[in-house]
């Protein structure tokens, strides 16, 4: 497939890319190479190939979400460098 400079600049604009004039020839050649490869893929017979939603058949193994005892507030605050009776005290970061 043949790519013209106007097409290259339109794609670059849509992708918010700044293309220098000395890069145009290499980019056009690269894009033509990719598009010709895609045209070769279109020649494959895929009539008996089922569409995939995932490439691999792997399934996540997840544990059940069950409530468990939480860390007691006093234990959580025990080793903190500074604390209010309820919260961790941290240095102010906003003006």
Protein backbone atom coordinates (compact mmCIF):
# COMPACT_ATOMS: atom_id res chain seq x y z
CA UNK A 1 0.00 0.00 0.00
CA UNK A 2 1.31 3.42 -0.94
CA UNK A 3 1.41 6.16 1.73
CA UNK A 4 1.68 9.82 0.72
CA UNK A 5 3.15 12.64 2.79
CA UNK A 6 -0.32 14.10 3.38
CA UNK A 7 -1.49 10.80 4.88
CA UNK A 8 1.60 10.62 7.06
CA UNK A 9 1.06 14.15 8.35
CA UNK A 10 -2.64 13.49 9.00
CA UNK A 11 -1.78 10.38 11.06
CA UNK A 12 0.95 12.32 12.86
CA UNK A 13 -1.52 15.09 13.67
CA UNK A 14 -4.04 12.59 15.05
CA UNK A 15 -1.32 10.94 17.14
CA UNK A 16 -0.02 14.36 18.24
CA UNK A 17 3.44 13.64 16.83
CA UNK A 18 5.88 16.20 15.52
CA UNK A 19 7.59 14.79 12.43
CA UNK A 20 10.72 16.41 11.08
CA UNK A 21 11.19 16.54 7.29
CA UNK A 22 14.25 14.29 7.45
CA UNK A 23 12.18 11.58 9.23
CA UNK A 24 9.38 11.49 6.62
CA UNK A 25 10.98 9.03 4.18
CA UNK A 26 11.88 6.50 6.86
CA UNK A 27 8.43 6.70 8.45
CA UNK A 28 6.64 6.30 5.13
CA UNK A 29 8.77 3.26 4.30
CA UNK A 30 8.10 1.75 7.72
CA UNK A 31 4.34 2.33 7.49
CA UNK A 32 4.21 0.84 3.99
CA UNK A 33 6.08 -2.21 5.26
CA UNK A 34 3.60 -2.73 8.09
CA UNK A 35 0.58 -2.24 5.85
CA UNK A 36 1.90 -4.65 3.22
CA UNK A 37 2.38 -7.25 5.96
CA UNK A 38 -1.22 -6.66 7.10
CA UNK A 39 -2.40 -7.18 3.50
CA UNK A 40 -0.60 -10.54 3.50
CA UNK A 41 -2.49 -11.52 6.65
CA UNK A 42 -5.79 -10.71 4.90
CA UNK A 43 -4.98 -13.44 2.36
CA UNK A 44 -5.13 -16.18 5.02
CA UNK A 45 -8.17 -18.45 5.09
CA UNK A 46 -9.73 -18.04 8.53
CA UNK A 47 -13.18 -19.48 7.81
CA UNK A 48 -12.79 -22.32 10.33
CA UNK A 49 -10.99 -20.29 13.01
CA UNK A 50 -13.15 -19.31 15.96
CA UNK A 51 -12.80 -15.76 17.25
CA UNK A 52 -10.93 -15.39 20.53
CA UNK A 53 -11.71 -13.17 23.46
CA UNK A 54 -8.41 -14.08 25.15
CA UNK A 55 -5.17 -15.39 23.70
CA UNK A 56 -4.47 -17.82 26.54
CA UNK A 57 -6.81 -20.29 28.24
CA UNK A 58 -5.49 -19.42 31.68
CA UNK A 59 -7.97 -18.47 34.37
CA UNK A 60 -7.23 -16.45 37.49
CA UNK A 61 -7.43 -18.45 40.68
CA UNK A 62 -8.85 -16.15 43.30
CA UNK A 63 -9.67 -16.80 46.91
CA UNK A 64 -13.07 -16.19 48.37
CA UNK A 65 -13.55 -12.75 49.83
CA UNK A 66 -14.33 -13.62 53.43
CA UNK A 67 -14.31 -11.24 56.39
CA UNK A 68 -11.44 -11.87 58.80
CA UNK A 69 -10.38 -10.21 62.04
CA UNK A 70 -8.87 -6.79 61.49
CA UNK A 71 -5.84 -5.25 63.13
CA UNK A 72 -6.84 -3.50 66.33
CA UNK A 73 -6.46 0.29 66.19
CA UNK A 74 -4.23 0.41 69.29
CA UNK A 75 -1.92 -2.26 67.84
CA UNK A 76 -1.73 -0.39 64.54
CA UNK A 77 -0.82 2.90 66.24
CA UNK A 78 1.56 1.31 68.77
CA UNK A 79 4.80 1.68 66.72
CA UNK A 80 3.90 4.89 64.89
CA UNK A 81 6.33 7.80 65.45
CA UNK A 82 3.46 10.23 66.05
CA UNK A 83 -0.20 9.56 66.56
CA UNK A 84 -3.41 11.10 67.67
CA UNK A 85 -5.59 8.74 69.71
CA UNK A 86 -7.31 7.75 66.47
CA UNK A 87 -5.03 8.66 63.53
CA UNK A 88 -1.40 8.56 62.38
CA UNK A 89 0.18 12.04 62.56
CA UNK A 90 2.20 13.00 59.47
CA UNK A 91 3.95 16.22 58.45
CA UNK A 92 1.84 18.71 56.54
CA UNK A 93 2.48 18.50 52.80
CA UNK A 94 0.04 21.09 51.45
CA UNK A 95 0.32 24.82 51.95
